[in-house]
Amino acid sequence: MNKKTNTLLFVAAATVVNIILMFFFLVAGIVILSLVLPQDVHPGLAQGAFILIFILAVAGSFLVYHRIMKLLASKIDLDKYFEPIFPKKKRG
């Protein structure tokens, strides 16, 4: 496989991992919310809490994904295996 194929597969796999992380955080937040909130909670409060959980799930998945990529970059020379996604423009 060449560098472009490796890059395409890596980006696709990283996207899937990021979506799975976000789904995990979202489900965990909803489960915790259902255990904490009473059954007769006002719908507006539940909606606001869900929006907050969604935002926290996106932020949490970004932070975990960022740390995984940082760890991976420190272990593997990514330039050796992957093509730059945004190549530098040639001047001249």
C-alpha atoms as a PDB file:
ATOM      1  CA  MET A   1       0.000   0.000   0.000  1.00  0.00           C
ATOM      2  CA  ASN A   2       1.171   3.498  -0.694  1.00  0.00           C
ATOM      3  CA  LYS A   3       1.080   6.549   1.564  1.00  0.00           C
ATOM      4  CA  LYS A   4      -2.187   7.899   0.121  1.00  0.00           C
ATOM      5  CA  THR A   5      -4.006   4.615   0.773  1.00  0.00           C
ATOM      6  CA  ASN A   6      -2.568   4.450   4.288  1.00  0.00           C
ATOM      7  CA  THR A   7      -3.721   8.022   4.935  1.00  0.00           C
ATOM      8  CA  LEU A   8      -7.232   7.311   3.656  1.00  0.00           C
ATOM      9  CA  LEU A   9      -7.584   4.168   5.778  1.00  0.00           C
ATOM     10  CA  PHE A  10      -6.145   5.896   8.839  1.00  0.00           C
ATOM     11  CA  VAL A  11      -8.505   8.867   8.558  1.00  0.00           C
ATOM     12  CA  ALA A  12     -11.497   6.548   8.063  1.00  0.00           C
ATOM     13  CA  ALA A  13     -10.543   4.388  11.062  1.00  0.00           C
ATOM     14  CA  ALA A  14      -9.833   7.440  13.237  1.00  0.00           C
ATOM     15  CA  THR A  15     -13.244   8.876  12.353  1.00  0.00           C
ATOM     16  CA  VAL A  16     -14.966   5.640  13.338  1.00  0.00           C
ATOM     17  CA  VAL A  17     -13.045   5.546  16.635  1.00  0.00           C
ATOM     18  CA  ASN A  18     -13.986   9.161  17.359  1.00  0.00           C
ATOM     19  CA  ILE A  19     -17.691   8.459  16.688  1.00  0.00           C
ATOM     20  CA  ILE A  20     -17.589   5.372  18.927  1.00  0.00           C
ATOM     21  CA  LEU A  21     -15.967   7.423  21.711  1.00  0.00           C
ATOM     22  CA  MET A  22     -18.619  10.118  21.397  1.00  0.00           C
ATOM     23  CA  PHE A  23     -21.415   7.518  21.423  1.00  0.00           C
ATOM     24  CA  PHE A  24     -19.923   5.900  24.543  1.00  0.00           C
ATOM     25  CA  PHE A  25     -19.738   9.228  26.383  1.00  0.00           C
ATOM     26  CA  LEU A  26     -23.262  10.134  25.278  1.00  0.00           C
ATOM     27  CA  VAL A  27     -24.759   6.840  26.467  1.00  0.00           C
ATOM     28  CA  ALA A  28     -22.829   7.013  29.742  1.00  0.00           C
ATOM     29  CA  GLY A  29     -24.068  10.569  30.320  1.00  0.00           C
ATOM     30  CA  ILE A  30     -27.681   9.609  29.600  1.00  0.00           C
ATOM     31  CA  VAL A  31     -27.454   6.636  31.962  1.00  0.00           C
ATOM     32  CA  ILE A  32     -26.007   8.817  34.722  1.00  0.00           C
ATOM     33  CA  LEU A  33     -28.667  11.467  34.057  1.00  0.00           C
ATOM     34  CA  SER A  34     -31.455   8.893  34.276  1.00  0.00           C
ATOM     35  CA  LEU A  35     -30.111   7.710  37.640  1.00  0.00           C
ATOM     36  CA  VAL A  36     -29.773  11.239  39.044  1.00  0.00           C
ATOM     37  CA  LEU A  37     -32.926  12.977  37.828  1.00  0.00           C
ATOM     38  CA  PRO A  38     -36.328  12.085  39.312  1.00  0.00           C
ATOM     39  CA  GLN A  39     -39.077  10.652  37.093  1.00  0.00           C
ATOM     40  CA  ASP A  40     -41.296  13.764  37.274  1.00  0.00           C
ATOM     41  CA  VAL A  41     -38.646  16.262  36.146  1.00  0.00           C
ATOM     42  CA  HIS A  42     -39.692  19.270  34.062  1.00  0.00           C
ATOM     43  CA  PRO A  43     -39.192  18.588  30.312  1.00  0.00           C
ATOM     44  CA  GLY A  44     -37.229  21.823  29.876  1.00  0.00           C
ATOM     45  CA  LEU A  45     -34.711  20.765  32.509  1.00  0.00           C
ATOM     46  CA  ALA A  46     -34.330  17.335  30.933  1.00  0.00           C
ATOM     47  CA  GLN A  47     -33.821  18.900  27.500  1.00  0.00           C
ATOM     48  CA  GLY A  48     -31.205  21.319  28.827  1.00  0.00           C
ATOM     49  CA  ALA A  49     -29.420  18.492  30.632  1.00  0.00           C
ATOM     50  CA  PHE A  50     -29.410  16.412  27.446  1.00  0.00           C
ATOM     51  CA  ILE A  51     -27.914  19.298  25.460  1.00  0.00           C
ATOM     52  CA  LEU A  52     -25.240  19.699  28.133  1.00  0.00           C
ATOM     53  CA  ILE A  53     -24.489  15.957  28.046  1.00  0.00           C
ATOM     54  CA  PHE A  54     -24.212  16.086  24.251  1.00  0.00           C
ATOM     55  CA  ILE A  55     -21.741  18.978  24.408  1.00  0.00           C
ATOM     56  CA  LEU A  56     -19.723  17.214  27.106  1.00  0.00           C
ATOM     57  CA  ALA A  57     -19.717  13.995  25.043  1.00  0.00           C
ATOM     58  CA  VAL A  58     -18.335  15.839  22.020  1.00  0.00           C
ATOM     59  CA  ALA A  59     -15.696  17.590  24.156  1.00  0.00           C
ATOM     60  CA  GLY A  60     -14.794  14.378  26.000  1.00  0.00           C
ATOM     61  CA  SER A  61     -14.412  12.384  22.800  1.00  0.00           C
ATOM     62  CA  PHE A  62     -12.234  15.153  21.341  1.00  0.00           C
ATOM     63  CA  LEU A  63      -9.964  15.165  24.403  1.00  0.00           C
ATOM     64  CA  VAL A  64      -9.589  11.370  24.496  1.00  0.00           C
ATOM     65  CA  TYR A  65      -9.083  11.214  20.707  1.00  0.00           C
ATOM     66  CA  HIS A  66      -6.466  13.964  20.914  1.00  0.00           C
ATOM     67  CA  ARG A  67      -4.544  12.097  23.622  1.00  0.00           C
ATOM     68  CA  ILE A  68      -4.687   8.838  21.667  1.00  0.00           C
ATOM     69  CA  MET A  69      -3.344  10.586  18.553  1.00  0.00           C
ATOM     70  CA  LYS A  70      -0.613  12.297  20.589  1.00  0.00           C
ATOM     71  CA  LEU A  71       0.439   8.950  22.071  1.00  0.00           C
ATOM     72  CA  LEU A  72       0.363   7.311  18.654  1.00  0.00           C
ATOM     73  CA  ALA A  73       2.441  10.124  17.127  1.00  0.00           C
ATOM     74  CA  SER A  74       5.058   9.748  19.855  1.00  0.00           C
ATOM     75  CA  LYS A  75       5.326   5.982  19.254  1.00  0.00           C
ATOM     76  CA  ILE A  76       5.204   5.941  15.435  1.00  0.00           C
ATOM     77  CA  ASP A  77       6.827   8.176  12.825  1.00  0.00           C
ATOM     78  CA  LEU A  78       3.651   9.197  11.005  1.00  0.00           C
ATOM     79  CA  ASP A  79       5.501  11.012   8.205  1.00  0.00           C
ATOM     80  CA  LYS A  80       7.029   7.698   7.187  1.00  0.00           C
ATOM     81  CA  TYR A  81       3.650   6.027   6.569  1.00  0.00           C
ATOM     82  CA  PHE A  82       1.169   8.820   5.765  1.00  0.00           C
ATOM     83  CA  GLU A  83       0.805  11.495   3.109  1.00  0.00           C
ATOM     84  CA  PRO A  84       0.116  15.023   4.402  1.00  0.00           C
ATOM     85  CA  ILE A  85      -3.592  15.813   4.160  1.00  0.00           C
ATOM     86  CA  PHE A  86      -2.937  19.491   3.467  1.00  0.00           C
ATOM     87  CA  PRO A  87       0.342  19.736   1.534  1.00  0.00           C
ATOM     88  CA  LYS A  88       2.384  22.891   1.709  1.00  0.00           C
ATOM     89  CA  LYS A  89       2.018  25.191  -1.298  1.00  0.00           C
ATOM     90  CA  LYS A  90       5.100  25.597  -3.432  1.00  0.00           C
ATOM     91  CA  ARG A  91       6.315  29.172  -3.708  1.00  0.00           C
ATOM     92  CA  GLY A  92       8.205  30.289  -6.702  1.00  0.00           C
END
